[in-house]
Amino acid sequence: MVNVMKMMKQAASMQKNLEALQAELADRSVEFSSGGGMVTAVARGDGTLAGLRINPQVVDPADVEMLQDLVLAAVDGALKAAREMAAAEMSKLTAGMGLGMPPM
């Protein structure tokens, strides 16, 4: 019974740590640029898009497709970097517990 109580305390502690980490990740952000910095996307550690900057020099009404590609590349890169940051932080939290966290 002692082992069960110990496991329950560990689980409660881990839950509290997980909630704190999720709140911290929501406040942290990463950036990813495409087109040599012409388009920059900012994503939060919770997987949400926080911002998008587009250099006016890249806006060409005759080539909207290029701008779309740059925006997609920047957003995709920022969201991927945010997922990687979150996964790295989650793995620190679950290290030694034998728990694998699913990819975000």
PDB file of N, CA and C in Angstrom:
ATOM      1  N   MET A   1       0.822  -1.201   0.000  1.00  0.00           N
ATOM      2  CA  MET A   1       0.000   0.000   0.000  1.00  0.00           C
ATOM      3  C   MET A   1       0.865   1.263   0.000  1.00  0.00           C
ATOM      4  N   VAL A   2       2.026   1.148   0.641  1.00  0.00           N
ATOM      5  CA  VAL A   2       2.928   2.300   0.700  1.00  0.00           C
ATOM      6  C   VAL A   2       3.373   2.696  -0.705  1.00  0.00           C
ATOM      7  N   ASN A   3       3.660   1.698  -1.557  1.00  0.00           N
ATOM      8  CA  ASN A   3       4.088   1.986  -2.919  1.00  0.00           C
ATOM      9  C   ASN A   3       2.991   2.687  -3.711  1.00  0.00           C
ATOM     10  N   VAL A   4       1.744   2.291  -3.497  1.00  0.00           N
ATOM     11  CA  VAL A   4       0.624   2.917  -4.195  1.00  0.00           C
ATOM     12  C   VAL A   4       0.504   4.377  -3.770  1.00  0.00           C
ATOM     13  N   MET A   5       0.630   4.645  -2.485  1.00  0.00           N
ATOM     14  CA  MET A   5       0.551   6.017  -1.986  1.00  0.00           C
ATOM     15  C   MET A   5       1.699   6.861  -2.550  1.00  0.00           C
ATOM     16  N   LYS A   6       2.874   6.261  -2.601  1.00  0.00           N
ATOM     17  CA  LYS A   6       4.037   6.972  -3.146  1.00  0.00           C
ATOM     18  C   LYS A   6       3.813   7.299  -4.620  1.00  0.00           C
ATOM     19  N   MET A   7       3.277   6.324  -5.364  1.00  0.00           N
ATOM     20  CA  MET A   7       3.007   6.555  -6.778  1.00  0.00           C
ATOM     21  C   MET A   7       1.946   7.638  -6.967  1.00  0.00           C
ATOM     22  N   MET A   8       0.944   7.660  -6.118  1.00  0.00           N
ATOM     23  CA  MET A   8      -0.104   8.675  -6.225  1.00  0.00           C
ATOM     24  C   MET A   8       0.457  10.064  -5.930  1.00  0.00           C
ATOM     25  N   LYS A   9       1.346  10.160  -4.951  1.00  0.00           N
ATOM     26  CA  LYS A   9       1.982  11.445  -4.645  1.00  0.00           C
ATOM     27  C   LYS A   9       2.846  11.900  -5.817  1.00  0.00           C
ATOM     28  N   GLN A  10       3.579  10.951  -6.410  1.00  0.00           N
ATOM     29  CA  GLN A  10       4.414  11.285  -7.561  1.00  0.00           C
ATOM     30  C   GLN A  10       3.551  11.749  -8.732  1.00  0.00           C
ATOM     31  N   ALA A  11       2.438  11.069  -8.947  1.00  0.00           N
ATOM     32  CA  ALA A  11       1.545  11.442 -10.043  1.00  0.00           C
ATOM     33  C   ALA A  11       0.957  12.830  -9.812  1.00  0.00           C
ATOM     34  N   ALA A  12       0.568  13.130  -8.586  1.00  0.00           N
ATOM     35  CA  ALA A  12       0.023  14.454  -8.277  1.00  0.00           C
ATOM     36  C   ALA A  12       1.081  15.529  -8.463  1.00  0.00           C
ATOM     37  N   SER A  13       2.302  15.226  -8.038  1.00  0.00           N
ATOM     38  CA  SER A  13       3.402  16.182  -8.207  1.00  0.00           C
ATOM     39  C   SER A  13       3.696  16.405  -9.686  1.00  0.00           C
ATOM     40  N   MET A  14       3.700  15.320 -10.444  1.00  0.00           N
ATOM     41  CA  MET A  14       3.967  15.428 -11.873  1.00  0.00           C
ATOM     42  C   MET A  14       2.867  16.224 -12.571  1.00  0.00           C
ATOM     43  N   GLN A  15       1.624  16.019 -12.173  1.00  0.00           N
ATOM     44  CA  GLN A  15       0.510  16.771 -12.751  1.00  0.00           C
ATOM     45  C   GLN A  15       0.676  18.261 -12.490  1.00  0.00           C
ATOM     46  N   LYS A  16       1.062  18.599 -11.267  1.00  0.00           N
ATOM     47  CA  LYS A  16       1.279  20.007 -10.907  1.00  0.00           C
ATOM     48  C   LYS A  16       2.429  20.589 -11.734  1.00  0.00           C
ATOM     49  N   ASN A  17       3.514  19.819 -11.867  1.00  0.00           N
ATOM     50  CA  ASN A  17       4.660  20.274 -12.664  1.00  0.00           C
ATOM     51  C   ASN A  17       4.285  20.421 -14.134  1.00  0.00           C
ATOM     52  N   LEU A  18       3.469  19.507 -14.628  1.00  0.00           N
ATOM     53  CA  LEU A  18       3.030  19.562 -16.029  1.00  0.00           C
ATOM     54  C   LEU A  18       2.205  20.818 -16.281  1.00  0.00           C
ATOM     55  N   GLU A  19       1.297  21.133 -15.384  1.00  0.00           N
ATOM     56  CA  GLU A  19       0.474  22.339 -15.534  1.00  0.00           C
ATOM     57  C   GLU A  19       1.340  23.597 -15.511  1.00  0.00           C
ATOM     58  N   ALA A  20       2.325  23.617 -14.616  1.00  0.00           N
ATOM     59  CA  ALA A  20       3.227  24.771 -14.546  1.00  0.00           C
ATOM     60  C   ALA A  20       4.043  24.890 -15.834  1.00  0.00           C
ATOM     61  N   LEU A  21       4.509  23.763 -16.353  1.00  0.00           N
ATOM     62  CA  LEU A  21       5.297  23.777 -17.587  1.00  0.00           C
ATOM     63  C   LEU A  21       4.451  24.237 -18.764  1.00  0.00           C
ATOM     64  N   GLN A  22       3.204  23.776 -18.839  1.00  0.00           N
ATOM     65  CA  GLN A  22       2.330  24.200 -19.933  1.00  0.00           C
ATOM     66  C   GLN A  22       2.101  25.709 -19.892  1.00  0.00           C
ATOM     67  N   ALA A  23       1.933  26.259 -18.703  1.00  0.00           N
ATOM     68  CA  ALA A  23       1.763  27.709 -18.581  1.00  0.00           C
ATOM     69  C   ALA A  23       3.037  28.431 -18.999  1.00  0.00           C
ATOM     70  N   GLU A  24       4.179  27.886 -18.610  1.00  0.00           N
ATOM     71  CA  GLU A  24       5.458  28.501 -18.984  1.00  0.00           C
ATOM     72  C   GLU A  24       5.662  28.449 -20.494  1.00  0.00           C
ATOM     73  N   LEU A  25       5.328  27.320 -21.109  1.00  0.00           N
ATOM     74  CA  LEU A  25       5.490  27.184 -22.554  1.00  0.00           C
ATOM     75  C   LEU A  25       4.593  28.157 -23.317  1.00  0.00           C
ATOM     76  N   ALA A  26       3.428  28.440 -22.779  1.00  0.00           N
ATOM     77  CA  ALA A  26       2.520  29.394 -23.430  1.00  0.00           C
ATOM     78  C   ALA A  26       3.118  30.792 -23.446  1.00  0.00           C
ATOM     79  N   ASP A  27       4.033  31.067 -22.505  1.00  0.00           N
ATOM     80  CA  ASP A  27       4.682  32.382 -22.430  1.00  0.00           C
ATOM     81  C   ASP A  27       5.984  32.448 -23.228  1.00  0.00           C
ATOM     82  N   ARG A  28       6.523  31.297 -23.613  1.00  0.00           N
ATOM     83  CA  ARG A  28       7.781  31.270 -24.367  1.00  0.00           C
ATOM     84  C   ARG A  28       7.482  31.235 -25.853  1.00  0.00           C
ATOM     85  N   SER A  29       8.364  31.816 -26.635  1.00  0.00           N
ATOM     86  CA  SER A  29       8.136  31.827 -28.075  1.00  0.00           C
ATOM     87  C   SER A  29       9.420  31.554 -28.841  1.00  0.00           C
ATOM     88  N   VAL A  30       9.245  31.135 -30.072  1.00  0.00           N
ATOM     89  CA  VAL A  30      10.347  30.894 -30.998  1.00  0.00           C
ATOM     90  C   VAL A  30      10.003  31.588 -32.304  1.00  0.00           C
ATOM     91  N   GLU A  31      11.042  31.911 -33.071  1.00  0.00           N
ATOM     92  CA  GLU A  31      10.859  32.568 -34.371  1.00  0.00           C
ATOM     93  C   GLU A  31      11.468  31.711 -35.463  1.00  0.00           C
ATOM     94  N   PHE A  32      10.894  31.836 -36.636  1.00  0.00           N
ATOM     95  CA  PHE A  32      11.454  31.180 -37.814  1.00  0.00           C
ATOM     96  C   PHE A  32      11.230  32.115 -38.991  1.00  0.00           C
ATOM     97  N   SER A  33      12.292  32.312 -39.776  1.00  0.00           N
ATOM     98  CA  SER A  33      12.212  33.224 -40.927  1.00  0.00           C
ATOM     99  C   SER A  33      12.395  32.456 -42.227  1.00  0.00           C
ATOM    100  N   SER A  34      11.805  32.987 -43.271  1.00  0.00           N
ATOM    101  CA  SER A  34      11.994  32.441 -44.612  1.00  0.00           C
ATOM    102  C   SER A  34      12.319  33.599 -45.552  1.00  0.00           C
ATOM    103  N   GLY A  35      12.818  33.248 -46.716  1.00  0.00           N
ATOM    104  CA  GLY A  35      13.151  34.279 -47.698  1.00  0.00           C
ATOM    105  C   GLY A  35      14.232  35.218 -47.221  1.00  0.00           C
ATOM    106  N   GLY A  36      15.209  34.667 -46.503  1.00  0.00           N
ATOM    107  CA  GLY A  36      16.297  35.519 -46.017  1.00  0.00           C
ATOM    108  C   GLY A  36      15.824  36.557 -45.013  1.00  0.00           C
ATOM    109  N   GLY A  37      14.823  36.230 -44.246  1.00  0.00           N
ATOM    110  CA  GLY A  37      14.311  37.145 -43.232  1.00  0.00           C
ATOM    111  C   GLY A  37      13.180  38.035 -43.716  1.00  0.00           C
ATOM    112  N   MET A  38      12.718  37.816 -44.925  1.00  0.00           N
ATOM    113  CA  MET A  38      11.633  38.644 -45.458  1.00  0.00           C
ATOM    114  C   MET A  38      10.297  38.369 -44.762  1.00  0.00           C
ATOM    115  N   VAL A  39      10.106  37.114 -44.319  1.00  0.00           N
ATOM    116  CA  VAL A  39       8.894  36.738 -43.586  1.00  0.00           C
ATOM    117  C   VAL A  39       9.329  36.017 -42.319  1.00  0.00           C
ATOM    118  N   THR A  40       8.827  36.480 -41.178  1.00  0.00           N
ATOM    119  CA  THR A  40       9.160  35.865 -39.895  1.00  0.00           C
ATOM    120  C   THR A  40       7.879  35.531 -39.147  1.00  0.00           C
ATOM    121  N   ALA A  41       7.795  34.286 -38.694  1.00  0.00           N
ATOM    122  CA  ALA A  41       6.656  33.839 -37.898  1.00  0.00           C
ATOM    123  C   ALA A  41       7.139  33.597 -36.470  1.00  0.00           C
ATOM    124  N   VAL A  42       6.289  33.924 -35.523  1.00  0.00           N
ATOM    125  CA  VAL A  42       6.579  33.716 -34.112  1.00  0.00           C
ATOM    126  C   VAL A  42       5.517  32.769 -33.568  1.00  0.00           C
ATOM    127  N   ALA A  43       5.970  31.679 -32.947  1.00  0.00           N
ATOM    128  CA  ALA A  43       5.047  30.704 -32.366  1.00  0.00           C
ATOM    129  C   ALA A  43       5.338  30.549 -30.884  1.00  0.00           C
ATOM    130  N   ARG A  44       4.281  30.295 -30.119  1.00  0.00           N
ATOM    131  CA  ARG A  44       4.421  30.054 -28.683  1.00  0.00           C
ATOM    132  C   ARG A  44       4.654  28.565 -28.440  1.00  0.00           C
ATOM    133  N   GLY A  45       5.171  28.273 -27.274  1.00  0.00           N
ATOM    134  CA  GLY A  45       5.437  26.891 -26.900  1.00  0.00           C
ATOM    135  C   GLY A  45       4.193  26.049 -26.761  1.00  0.00           C
ATOM    136  N   ASP A  46       3.025  26.666 -26.720  1.00  0.00           N
ATOM    137  CA  ASP A  46       1.780  25.891 -26.652  1.00  0.00           C
ATOM    138  C   ASP A  46       1.239  25.576 -28.047  1.00  0.00           C
ATOM    139  N   GLY A  47       2.024  25.932 -29.081  1.00  0.00           N
ATOM    140  CA  GLY A  47       1.644  25.587 -30.451  1.00  0.00           C
ATOM    141  C   GLY A  47       0.782  26.611 -31.158  1.00  0.00           C
ATOM    142  N   THR A  48       0.615  27.780 -30.562  1.00  0.00           N
ATOM    143  CA  THR A  48      -0.182  28.812 -31.210  1.00  0.00           C
ATOM    144  C   THR A  48       0.728  29.810 -31.917  1.00  0.00           C
ATOM    145  N   LEU A  49       0.216  30.410 -32.965  1.00  0.00           N
ATOM    146  CA  LEU A  49       0.957  31.417 -33.713  1.00  0.00           C
ATOM    147  C   LEU A  49       0.807  32.755 -32.996  1.00  0.00           C
ATOM    148  N   ALA A  50       1.925  33.387 -32.666  1.00  0.00           N
ATOM    149  CA  ALA A  50       1.893  34.631 -31.901  1.00  0.00           C
ATOM    150  C   ALA A  50       2.077  35.859 -32.774  1.00  0.00           C
ATOM    151  N   GLY A  51       2.702  35.695 -33.925  1.00  0.00           N
ATOM    152  CA  GLY A  51       2.923  36.855 -34.766  1.00  0.00           C
ATOM    153  C   GLY A  51       3.471  36.489 -36.131  1.00  0.00           C
ATOM    154  N   LEU A  52       3.364  37.452 -37.024  1.00  0.00           N
ATOM    155  CA  LEU A  52       3.845  37.275 -38.380  1.00  0.00           C
ATOM    156  C   LEU A  52       4.304  38.637 -38.889  1.00  0.00           C
ATOM    157  N   ARG A  53       5.571  38.698 -39.297  1.00  0.00           N
ATOM    158  CA  ARG A  53       6.114  39.946 -39.851  1.00  0.00           C
ATOM    159  C   ARG A  53       6.481  39.719 -41.314  1.00  0.00           C
ATOM    160  N   ILE A  54       6.037  40.639 -42.153  1.00  0.00           N
ATOM    161  CA  ILE A  54       6.329  40.559 -43.581  1.00  0.00           C
ATOM    162  C   ILE A  54       7.007  41.854 -43.988  1.00  0.00           C
ATOM    163  N   ASN A  55       8.189  41.727 -44.537  1.00  0.00           N
ATOM    164  CA  ASN A  55       8.921  42.891 -45.030  1.00  0.00           C
ATOM    165  C   ASN A  55       8.172  43.425 -46.255  1.00  0.00           C
ATOM    166  N   PRO A  56       7.840  44.708 -46.270  1.00  0.00           N
ATOM    167  CA  PRO A  56       7.095  45.274 -47.400  1.00  0.00           C
ATOM    168  C   PRO A  56       7.771  45.060 -48.758  1.00  0.00           C
ATOM    169  N   GLN A  57       9.089  44.893 -48.762  1.00  0.00           N
ATOM    170  CA  GLN A  57       9.799  44.692 -50.022  1.00  0.00           C
ATOM    171  C   GLN A  57       9.412  43.391 -50.716  1.00  0.00           C
ATOM    172  N   VAL A  58       8.892  42.419 -49.955  1.00  0.00           N
ATOM    173  CA  VAL A  58       8.559  41.126 -50.539  1.00  0.00           C
ATOM    174  C   VAL A  58       7.123  41.109 -51.094  1.00  0.00           C
ATOM    175  N   VAL A  59       6.356  42.147 -50.833  1.00  0.00           N
ATOM    176  CA  VAL A  59       4.967  42.202 -51.302  1.00  0.00           C
ATOM    177  C   VAL A  59       4.956  42.685 -52.751  1.00  0.00           C
ATOM    178  N   ASP A  60       4.654  41.746 -53.629  1.00  0.00           N
ATOM    179  CA  ASP A  60       4.608  42.040 -55.056  1.00  0.00           C
ATOM    180  C   ASP A  60       3.267  41.522 -55.585  1.00  0.00           C
ATOM    181  N   PRO A  61       2.331  42.418 -55.908  1.00  0.00           N
ATOM    182  CA  PRO A  61       1.023  41.974 -56.387  1.00  0.00           C
ATOM    183  C   PRO A  61       1.106  41.038 -57.598  1.00  0.00           C
ATOM    184  N   ALA A  62       2.195  41.110 -58.330  1.00  0.00           N
ATOM    185  CA  ALA A  62       2.343  40.249 -59.502  1.00  0.00           C
ATOM    186  C   ALA A  62       2.836  38.851 -59.128  1.00  0.00           C
ATOM    187  N   ASP A  63       3.274  38.672 -57.869  1.00  0.00           N
ATOM    188  CA  ASP A  63       3.805  37.366 -57.454  1.00  0.00           C
ATOM    189  C   ASP A  63       3.310  37.011 -56.056  1.00  0.00           C
ATOM    190  N   VAL A  64       2.012  36.927 -55.906  1.00  0.00           N
ATOM    191  CA  VAL A  64       1.395  36.590 -54.622  1.00  0.00           C
ATOM    192  C   VAL A  64       1.780  35.172 -54.198  1.00  0.00           C
ATOM    193  N   GLU A  65       1.949  34.289 -55.148  1.00  0.00           N
ATOM    194  CA  GLU A  65       2.280  32.904 -54.839  1.00  0.00           C
ATOM    195  C   GLU A  65       3.598  32.799 -54.060  1.00  0.00           C
ATOM    196  N   MET A  66       4.588  33.604 -54.431  1.00  0.00           N
ATOM    197  CA  MET A  66       5.857  33.572 -53.710  1.00  0.00           C
ATOM    198  C   MET A  66       5.650  34.001 -52.261  1.00  0.00           C
ATOM    199  N   LEU A  67       4.873  35.043 -52.028  1.00  0.00           N
ATOM    200  CA  LEU A  67       4.606  35.511 -50.670  1.00  0.00           C
ATOM    201  C   LEU A  67       3.882  34.428 -49.878  1.00  0.00           C
ATOM    202  N   GLN A  68       2.925  33.775 -50.506  1.00  0.00           N
ATOM    203  CA  GLN A  68       2.212  32.691 -49.837  1.00  0.00           C
ATOM    204  C   GLN A  68       3.175  31.577 -49.428  1.00  0.00           C
ATOM    205  N   ASP A  69       4.076  31.215 -50.314  1.00  0.00           N
ATOM    206  CA  ASP A  69       5.064  30.172 -50.013  1.00  0.00           C
ATOM    207  C   ASP A  69       5.967  30.587 -48.852  1.00  0.00           C
ATOM    208  N   LEU A  70       6.391  31.840 -48.849  1.00  0.00           N
ATOM    209  CA  LEU A  70       7.251  32.325 -47.769  1.00  0.00           C
ATOM    210  C   LEU A  70       6.517  32.323 -46.426  1.00  0.00           C
ATOM    211  N   VAL A  71       5.254  32.725 -46.452  1.00  0.00           N
ATOM    212  CA  VAL A  71       4.460  32.731 -45.216  1.00  0.00           C
ATOM    213  C   VAL A  71       4.285  31.303 -44.708  1.00  0.00           C
ATOM    214  N   LEU A  72       3.932  30.388 -45.595  1.00  0.00           N
ATOM    215  CA  LEU A  72       3.764  28.989 -45.183  1.00  0.00           C
ATOM    216  C   LEU A  72       5.058  28.418 -44.614  1.00  0.00           C
ATOM    217  N   ALA A  73       6.177  28.697 -45.253  1.00  0.00           N
ATOM    218  CA  ALA A  73       7.457  28.179 -44.779  1.00  0.00           C
ATOM    219  C   ALA A  73       7.800  28.744 -43.396  1.00  0.00           C
ATOM    220  N   ALA A  74       7.567  30.029 -43.209  1.00  0.00           N
ATOM    221  CA  ALA A  74       7.879  30.653 -41.922  1.00  0.00           C
ATOM    222  C   ALA A  74       6.978  30.117 -40.817  1.00  0.00           C
ATOM    223  N   VAL A  75       5.692  30.013 -41.086  1.00  0.00           N
ATOM    224  CA  VAL A  75       4.743  29.515 -40.081  1.00  0.00           C
ATOM    225  C   VAL A  75       5.038  28.052 -39.761  1.00  0.00           C
ATOM    226  N   ASP A  76       5.246  27.251 -40.793  1.00  0.00           N
ATOM    227  CA  ASP A  76       5.553  25.840 -40.572  1.00  0.00           C
ATOM    228  C   ASP A  76       6.824  25.683 -39.740  1.00  0.00           C
ATOM    229  N   GLY A  77       7.856  26.439 -40.067  1.00  0.00           N
ATOM    230  CA  GLY A  77       9.114  26.359 -39.320  1.00  0.00           C
ATOM    231  C   GLY A  77       8.956  26.797 -37.877  1.00  0.00           C
ATOM    232  N   ALA A  78       8.204  27.862 -37.639  1.00  0.00           N
ATOM    233  CA  ALA A  78       8.004  28.347 -36.275  1.00  0.00           C
ATOM    234  C   ALA A  78       7.209  27.345 -35.449  1.00  0.00           C
ATOM    235  N   LEU A  79       6.156  26.785 -36.023  1.00  0.00           N
ATOM    236  CA  LEU A  79       5.356  25.801 -35.287  1.00  0.00           C
ATOM    237  C   LEU A  79       6.153  24.537 -35.005  1.00  0.00           C
ATOM    238  N   LYS A  80       6.979  24.126 -35.945  1.00  0.00           N
ATOM    239  CA  LYS A  80       7.839  22.952 -35.725  1.00  0.00           C
ATOM    240  C   LYS A  80       8.826  23.238 -34.598  1.00  0.00           C
ATOM    241  N   ALA A  81       9.433  24.411 -34.605  1.00  0.00           N
ATOM    242  CA  ALA A  81      10.378  24.772 -33.547  1.00  0.00           C
ATOM    243  C   ALA A  81       9.680  24.830 -32.190  1.00  0.00           C
ATOM    244  N   ALA A  82       8.440  25.304 -32.163  1.00  0.00           N
ATOM    245  CA  ALA A  82       7.676  25.353 -30.909  1.00  0.00           C
ATOM    246  C   ALA A  82       7.391  23.942 -30.406  1.00  0.00           C
ATOM    247  N   ARG A  83       7.019  23.039 -31.311  1.00  0.00           N
ATOM    248  CA  ARG A  83       6.770  21.644 -30.910  1.00  0.00           C
ATOM    249  C   ARG A  83       8.042  21.005 -30.363  1.00  0.00           C
ATOM    250  N   GLU A  84       9.164  21.262 -31.021  1.00  0.00           N
ATOM    251  CA  GLU A  84      10.436  20.697 -30.567  1.00  0.00           C
ATOM    252  C   GLU A  84      10.819  21.240 -29.198  1.00  0.00           C
ATOM    253  N   MET A  85      10.604  22.544 -28.978  1.00  0.00           N
ATOM    254  CA  MET A  85      10.897  23.145 -27.681  1.00  0.00           C
ATOM    255  C   MET A  85      10.025  22.512 -26.596  1.00  0.00           C
ATOM    256  N   ALA A  86       8.735  22.359 -26.893  1.00  0.00           N
ATOM    257  CA  ALA A  86       7.813  21.778 -25.921  1.00  0.00           C
ATOM    258  C   ALA A  86       8.178  20.321 -25.636  1.00  0.00           C
ATOM    259  N   ALA A  87       8.520  19.564 -26.660  1.00  0.00           N
ATOM    260  CA  ALA A  87       8.882  18.161 -26.470  1.00  0.00           C
ATOM    261  C   ALA A  87      10.142  18.033 -25.614  1.00  0.00           C
ATOM    262  N   ALA A  88      11.109  18.913 -25.852  1.00  0.00           N
ATOM    263  CA  ALA A  88      12.343  18.874 -25.058  1.00  0.00           C
ATOM    264  C   ALA A  88      12.051  19.170 -23.592  1.00  0.00           C
ATOM    265  N   GLU A  89      11.192  20.148 -23.339  1.00  0.00           N
ATOM    266  CA  GLU A  89      10.846  20.485 -21.956  1.00  0.00           C
ATOM    267  C   GLU A  89      10.034  19.372 -21.301  1.00  0.00           C
ATOM    268  N   MET A  90       9.122  18.766 -22.051  1.00  0.00           N
ATOM    269  CA  MET A  90       8.316  17.666 -21.520  1.00  0.00           C
ATOM    270  C   MET A  90       9.198  16.467 -21.194  1.00  0.00           C
ATOM    271  N   SER A  91      10.186  16.196 -22.037  1.00  0.00           N
ATOM    272  CA  SER A  91      11.053  15.047 -21.785  1.00  0.00           C
ATOM    273  C   SER A  91      11.875  15.257 -20.521  1.00  0.00           C
ATOM    274  N   LYS A  92      12.228  16.497 -20.222  1.00  0.00           N
ATOM    275  CA  LYS A  92      12.925  16.784 -18.962  1.00  0.00           C
ATOM    276  C   LYS A  92      12.020  16.458 -17.779  1.00  0.00           C
ATOM    277  N   LEU A  93      10.749  16.788 -17.923  1.00  0.00           N
ATOM    278  CA  LEU A  93       9.785  16.566 -16.846  1.00  0.00           C
ATOM    279  C   LEU A  93       9.549  15.082 -16.606  1.00  0.00           C
ATOM    280  N   THR A  94       9.517  14.309 -17.683  1.00  0.00           N
ATOM    281  CA  THR A  94       9.193  12.891 -17.552  1.00  0.00           C
ATOM    282  C   THR A  94      10.431  12.012 -17.468  1.00  0.00           C
ATOM    283  N   ALA A  95      11.632  12.576 -17.507  1.00  0.00           N
ATOM    284  CA  ALA A  95      12.867  11.802 -17.455  1.00  0.00           C
ATOM    285  C   ALA A  95      12.897  10.947 -16.189  1.00  0.00           C
ATOM    286  N   GLY A  96      13.287   9.724 -16.360  1.00  0.00           N
ATOM    287  CA  GLY A  96      13.410   8.825 -15.236  1.00  0.00           C
ATOM    288  C   GLY A  96      12.102   8.216 -14.770  1.00  0.00           C
ATOM    289  N   MET A  97      10.996   8.642 -15.333  1.00  0.00           N
ATOM    290  CA  MET A  97       9.692   8.096 -14.919  1.00  0.00           C
ATOM    291  C   MET A  97       9.253   6.977 -15.850  1.00  0.00           C
ATOM    292  N   GLY A  98      10.003   6.770 -16.952  1.00  0.00           N
ATOM    293  CA  GLY A  98       9.625   5.733 -17.884  1.00  0.00           C
ATOM    294  C   GLY A  98       8.392   6.076 -18.700  1.00  0.00           C
ATOM    295  N   LEU A  99       8.122   7.359 -18.827  1.00  0.00           N
ATOM    296  CA  LEU A  99       6.948   7.793 -19.567  1.00  0.00           C
ATOM    297  C   LEU A  99       7.376   8.428 -20.871  1.00  0.00           C
ATOM    298  N   GLY A 100       6.818   7.981 -21.941  1.00  0.00           N
ATOM    299  CA  GLY A 100       7.045   8.617 -23.231  1.00  0.00           C
ATOM    300  C   GLY A 100       5.887   9.545 -23.513  1.00  0.00           C
ATOM    301  N   MET A 101       6.183  10.792 -23.827  1.00  0.00           N
ATOM    302  CA  MET A 101       5.127  11.742 -24.136  1.00  0.00           C
ATOM    303  C   MET A 101       4.865  11.706 -25.635  1.00  0.00           C
ATOM    304  N   PRO A 102       3.600  11.681 -26.031  1.00  0.00           N
ATOM    305  CA  PRO A 102       3.286  11.669 -27.465  1.00  0.00           C
ATOM    306  C   PRO A 102       3.696  12.993 -28.095  1.00  0.00           C
ATOM    307  N   PRO A 103       4.049  12.972 -29.379  1.00  0.00           N
ATOM    308  CA  PRO A 103       4.421  14.225 -30.057  1.00  0.00           C
ATOM    309  C   PRO A 103       3.257  15.185 -30.091  1.00  0.00           C
ATOM    310  N   MET A 104       3.580  16.472 -29.995  1.00  0.00           N
ATOM    311  CA  MET A 104       2.543  17.512 -29.992  1.00  0.00           C
ATOM    312  C   MET A 104       2.254  17.931 -31.400  1.00  0.00           C
TER     313      MET A 104
END
